[in-house]
Protein backbone atom coordinates (compact mmCIF):
# COMPACT_ATOMS: atom_id res chain seq x y z
CA MET A 1 58.17 94.77 109.78
CA SER A 2 61.63 95.24 108.30
CA ALA A 3 62.34 93.92 104.87
CA GLU A 4 64.06 90.59 104.72
CA ALA A 5 67.84 90.88 104.36
CA LYS A 6 69.25 89.92 101.01
CA SER A 7 71.11 86.66 100.82
CA GLY A 8 73.84 85.41 98.58
CA ALA A 9 77.41 86.33 97.75
CA ARG A 10 79.29 88.92 95.72
CA LEU A 11 82.86 89.69 94.80
CA CYS A 12 84.86 91.94 97.07
CA PRO A 13 85.76 95.08 95.03
CA ASN A 14 89.28 94.91 96.43
CA CYS A 15 90.51 91.29 96.39
CA LYS A 16 87.80 89.80 94.12
CA ARG A 17 86.98 86.95 96.55
CA LEU A 18 83.44 85.95 97.48
CA ILE A 19 81.84 87.68 100.47
CA SER A 20 78.27 88.04 101.71
CA VAL A 21 76.14 90.68 100.01
CA ASN A 22 75.46 92.11 103.47
CA ALA A 23 79.11 92.24 104.57
CA LYS A 24 80.39 95.61 105.72
CA GLU A 25 83.97 94.32 105.73
CA CYS A 26 85.73 91.68 103.63
CA ILE A 27 86.84 88.71 105.73
CA HIS A 28 89.74 88.11 103.36
CA CYS A 29 91.43 91.50 102.85
CA GLY A 30 89.71 93.84 105.31
CA TRP A 31 88.07 96.05 102.66
CA LYS A 32 85.35 98.15 104.22
CA ASN A 33 82.12 99.08 102.50
CA TYR A 34 82.62 102.83 102.57
CA GLY A 35 81.67 105.28 99.86
CA LEU A 36 85.29 106.26 99.27
CA SER A 37 86.11 102.75 98.17
CA GLY A 38 83.95 103.28 95.11
CA LEU A 39 85.90 106.42 94.32
CA GLY A 40 89.19 104.57 94.61
CA THR A 41 87.98 101.71 92.43
CA GLY A 42 86.78 104.27 89.89
CA PHE A 43 90.28 105.76 89.74
CA GLU A 44 91.75 102.40 88.79
CA LYS A 45 89.00 101.78 86.23
CA ILE A 46 89.81 105.08 84.53
CA ILE A 47 93.52 104.22 84.42
CA ARG A 48 92.77 100.78 82.98
CA SER A 49 90.40 102.24 80.39
CA LEU A 50 93.29 104.40 79.16
CA GLY A 51 95.53 101.37 78.70
CA GLY A 52 97.14 101.12 82.14
CA LEU A 53 99.35 103.24 84.35
CA VAL A 54 102.46 103.18 82.14
CA PRO A 55 100.75 104.57 78.99
CA VAL A 56 99.07 107.25 81.13
CA LEU A 57 102.37 108.34 82.66
CA ILE A 58 104.17 108.31 79.31
CA GLY A 59 101.29 110.21 77.71
CA ALA A 60 101.39 112.87 80.42
CA CYS A 61 105.15 113.35 80.07
CA VAL A 62 105.03 113.55 76.26
CA PHE A 63 102.06 115.94 76.31
CA LEU A 64 103.77 118.30 78.76
CA TYR A 65 107.04 118.11 76.80
CA ILE A 66 105.19 119.25 73.67
CA VAL A 67 103.39 121.98 75.62
CA ALA A 68 106.74 123.25 76.96
CA LEU A 69 108.15 123.37 73.42
CA LEU A 70 105.13 125.25 72.11
CA MET A 71 105.33 127.79 74.94
CA ASP A 72 108.74 128.96 73.70
CA LEU A 73 109.36 128.09 70.05
CA SER A 74 112.36 130.43 69.95
CA ALA A 75 114.31 127.96 72.10
CA LEU A 76 114.23 125.47 69.20
CA ALA A 77 116.24 127.88 67.07
CA SER A 78 119.28 127.65 69.36
CA PRO A 79 120.03 124.00 70.18
CA ARG A 80 122.65 123.46 72.87
CA GLY A 81 124.52 120.37 71.69
CA LEU A 82 123.23 116.81 71.36
CA PHE A 83 121.71 116.68 74.84
CA GLY A 84 120.12 120.10 74.30
CA LEU A 85 118.39 119.05 71.08
CA PHE A 86 114.75 120.15 71.04
CA SER A 87 115.11 121.51 74.55
CA PRO A 88 112.24 123.59 75.98
CA GLY A 89 113.16 127.05 77.20
CA GLY A 90 113.91 127.53 80.89
CA GLU A 91 111.12 130.08 81.25
CA ALA A 92 108.56 127.62 79.86
CA LEU A 93 109.71 124.88 82.23
CA TYR A 94 109.60 127.29 85.16
CA ARG A 95 106.06 128.35 84.29
CA LEU A 96 104.95 124.71 84.10
CA GLY A 97 106.47 123.70 87.44
CA MET A 98 110.21 123.10 87.33
CA THR A 99 111.64 122.46 90.80
CA GLY A 100 114.96 123.05 92.55
CA THR A 101 116.35 125.21 95.31
CA TYR A 102 115.13 128.45 93.71
CA PRO A 103 111.46 127.47 93.19
CA LEU A 104 111.35 125.80 96.61
CA ALA A 105 112.85 128.90 98.23
CA GLN A 106 109.98 130.85 96.64
CA GLY A 107 107.49 128.58 98.44
CA GLN A 108 106.59 126.54 95.36
CA TRP A 109 106.54 123.18 97.17
CA TRP A 110 104.16 121.66 94.62
CA THR A 111 106.95 121.68 92.03
CA LEU A 112 108.27 118.56 93.76
CA PHE A 113 105.31 116.83 92.08
CA THR A 114 104.97 118.70 88.79
CA ALA A 115 108.66 118.54 87.83
CA ILE A 116 108.41 114.75 87.59
CA TYR A 117 106.50 115.13 84.32
CA LEU A 118 108.73 117.80 82.73
CA HIS A 119 111.83 117.10 80.63
CA GLY A 120 114.71 119.20 79.40
CA GLY A 121 115.28 117.77 75.94
CA LEU A 122 114.47 115.11 73.37
CA LEU A 123 117.07 112.59 74.55
CA HIS A 124 116.12 113.28 78.17
CA ILE A 125 112.49 112.31 77.68
CA LEU A 126 113.32 109.51 75.23
CA PHE A 127 115.64 107.67 77.62
CA ASN A 128 113.28 108.15 80.56
CA MET A 129 110.24 106.88 78.67
CA ILE A 130 112.13 103.81 77.44
CA TRP A 131 113.10 102.97 81.02
CA LEU A 132 109.56 103.63 82.24
CA ARG A 133 108.11 101.36 79.58
CA ASN A 134 110.61 98.58 80.33
CA ILE A 135 110.08 98.40 84.10
CA GLY A 136 106.77 100.16 84.78
CA TYR A 137 104.54 97.28 83.68
CA ALA A 138 106.30 94.87 86.05
CA VAL A 139 105.85 97.23 89.02
CA GLU A 140 102.16 97.74 88.22
CA GLU A 141 101.61 93.99 87.97
CA LEU A 142 103.46 93.17 91.19
CA PHE A 143 102.17 96.07 93.33
CA GLY A 144 98.90 97.08 91.69
CA THR A 145 97.97 100.28 89.87
CA SER A 146 97.48 102.54 92.88
CA ARG A 147 100.57 101.40 94.76
CA ALA A 148 102.70 101.67 91.61
CA PHE A 149 101.54 105.28 91.16
CA ILE A 150 102.24 106.05 94.83
CA ILE A 151 105.76 104.60 94.50
CA PHE A 152 106.37 106.54 91.28
CA THR A 153 105.25 109.82 92.86
CA ILE A 154 106.90 109.47 96.27
CA ALA A 155 110.17 108.37 94.66
CA GLY A 156 110.15 111.43 92.41
CA VAL A 157 109.53 113.75 95.35
CA ALA A 158 112.25 112.03 97.41
CA GLY A 159 114.70 112.40 94.55
CA PHE A 160 114.06 116.13 94.19
CA LEU A 161 114.36 116.63 97.95
CA ALA A 162 117.72 114.84 97.89
CA SER A 163 118.98 117.06 95.08
CA ASP A 164 117.68 120.13 96.93
CA LEU A 165 119.92 119.24 99.87
CA LEU A 166 122.85 119.43 97.44
CA ARG A 167 121.66 122.85 96.27
CA VAL A 168 120.64 121.94 92.72
CA ALA A 169 119.10 125.22 91.53
CA PHE A 170 116.75 123.86 88.84
CA THR A 171 115.84 120.31 87.88
CA VAL A 172 113.17 118.35 86.02
CA GLY A 173 112.54 114.80 84.90
CA ALA A 174 111.02 111.44 85.77
CA SER A 175 114.34 109.69 86.32
CA GLY A 176 114.08 109.87 90.12
CA SER A 177 110.67 108.21 89.90
CA ILE A 178 112.03 105.58 87.52
CA PHE A 179 114.88 104.80 89.91
CA GLY A 180 112.16 104.46 92.55
CA LEU A 181 110.50 101.78 90.43
CA LEU A 182 113.84 99.98 90.26
CA GLY A 183 114.10 100.28 94.05
CA ALA A 184 110.62 98.77 94.42
CA LEU A 185 111.57 95.81 92.22
CA ILE A 186 114.76 95.28 94.24
CA TYR A 187 112.69 95.23 97.44
CA TYR A 188 110.22 92.76 95.93
CA ALA A 189 112.99 90.46 94.71
CA ARG A 190 114.78 90.44 98.07
CA HIS A 191 111.62 89.98 100.11
CA ARG A 192 110.12 87.28 97.92
CA GLY A 193 113.31 85.26 97.67
CA GLY A 194 113.43 81.85 96.04
CA ALA A 195 114.73 81.12 92.57
CA PHE A 196 112.48 83.72 90.95
CA GLY A 197 113.37 86.41 93.48
CA GLU A 198 117.10 85.74 93.11
CA ALA A 199 116.90 85.84 89.31
CA LEU A 200 114.88 89.05 89.40
CA PHE A 201 117.31 90.60 91.88
CA ARG A 202 120.27 89.89 89.60
CA GLN A 203 118.44 91.25 86.56
CA VAL A 204 117.09 94.42 88.16
CA GLY A 205 120.30 94.94 90.11
CA SER A 206 122.28 94.98 86.86
CA TRP A 207 119.81 97.48 85.37
CA ALA A 208 120.10 99.75 88.41
CA LEU A 209 123.90 99.59 88.35
CA MET A 210 123.96 100.34 84.64
CA ALA A 211 121.59 103.28 85.09
CA PHE A 212 123.67 104.73 87.94
CA VAL A 213 126.90 104.41 85.91
CA PHE A 214 125.21 105.98 82.89
CA GLY A 215 124.24 108.97 85.04
CA PHE A 216 127.86 109.62 86.03
CA LEU A 217 129.17 109.33 82.47
CA PHE A 218 127.09 112.11 80.97
CA PRO A 219 127.00 115.80 81.92
CA GLY A 220 123.99 117.52 83.47
CA VAL A 221 122.52 114.37 85.05
CA ASN A 222 120.99 114.82 88.51
CA ASN A 223 122.53 111.76 90.18
CA TRP A 224 121.36 112.82 93.64
CA ALA A 225 117.78 112.68 92.40
CA HIS A 226 118.49 109.15 91.16
CA ALA A 227 119.83 108.06 94.55
CA GLY A 228 117.02 109.74 96.46
CA GLY A 229 114.42 108.28 94.12
CA PHE A 230 115.84 104.78 94.48
CA ALA A 231 115.71 105.04 98.29
CA GLY A 232 112.19 106.51 98.16
CA GLY A 233 110.95 103.71 95.93
CA TYR A 234 112.52 100.98 98.05
CA LEU A 235 111.07 102.37 101.31
CA SER A 236 107.65 102.98 99.72
CA ALA A 237 107.52 99.37 98.53
CA LEU A 238 108.53 98.15 101.98
CA LEU A 239 105.74 100.13 103.64
CA LEU A 240 103.03 99.45 101.05
CA GLY A 241 103.64 95.76 100.40
CA TYR A 242 102.91 93.93 97.14
CA GLN A 243 100.07 91.90 95.68
CA GLU A 244 101.25 88.46 96.75
CA ILE A 245 101.22 89.31 100.45
CA ARG A 246 98.17 91.61 100.47
CA GLY A 247 95.94 93.09 97.82
CA GLU A 248 95.47 96.79 97.32
CA ARG A 249 93.10 98.38 99.82
CA THR A 250 90.90 101.42 99.81
CA GLY A 251 93.58 103.44 101.59
CA HIS A 252 96.04 102.79 98.76
CA ARG A 253 93.53 103.92 96.16
CA ILE A 254 92.57 107.06 98.06
CA ALA A 255 96.26 107.92 98.58
CA ALA A 256 96.82 107.58 94.82
CA ILE A 257 93.89 109.91 94.12
CA VAL A 258 95.23 112.48 96.60
CA LEU A 259 98.68 112.42 94.97
CA ALA A 260 97.14 112.75 91.50
CA PHE A 261 95.05 115.70 92.70
CA ILE A 262 98.09 117.41 94.26
CA THR A 263 100.00 116.99 91.00
CA LEU A 264 97.19 118.40 88.85
CA ALA A 265 96.61 121.26 91.28
CA GLY A 266 100.35 121.93 91.20
CA PHE A 267 100.27 122.57 87.46
CA VAL A 268 97.38 124.99 87.94
CA LEU A 269 99.26 126.79 90.72
CA SER A 270 102.43 127.02 88.61
CA LEU A 271 100.60 128.45 85.59
CA THR A 272 98.52 130.92 87.60
CA ARG A 273 101.53 132.07 89.64
CA ALA A 274 103.57 132.68 86.50
CA ALA A 275 100.72 134.47 84.69
């Protein structure tokens, strides 16, 4: 005789609503009781245990900036103006995964991911991290941790692809990804509508306009990466949706893990190829 089925309710790991303990699929959000869902949930738990997505991204960028400086200390002895202050050497950035037409022509496609976390100088990383801190928390709250990371990554890749079309030889930085976060907030504000949506649209729209103008006022800024990143973030948000219309699903979490793995593997490939 088979054992009696358990009775009662439990919280869905995805949307946190009550479902039967025997349910194979959540009646509210469609979450399915597959083993991979536990992996995806574990990814978000790790991110939350480290303080959230924004501190993790900032920490990764700062860590890699310091690593790039330490790889070529001689570059610190010859600063190249204000925007070249404490600038890592080009060889160090290339070894870590700088992207552009030259690396891509060499088959180093993974640099589209790794270059997001590399920066060319102190002011470069400082401005980018301030922007990331100011808008990243809002995107994570509105879209969820996994979707925010997907938007950040896809926007960065889209930005670098756009600059590659304009034959930018070498480029690094998270600004394309940050413009993607702005694009995601613009999408949310327009789609949500109402008084809150309109107010958010005006606020974020002014930030985006200011950031675009800033890019054209200073030399060496990859404005095509900004435009491509903005478009990538907007389209990613449109396709992924946000928390108010549907919660994050297992597919979102698994996609975030895959993108994180590709990025980490990319750094390994860059270092081993340059060795």
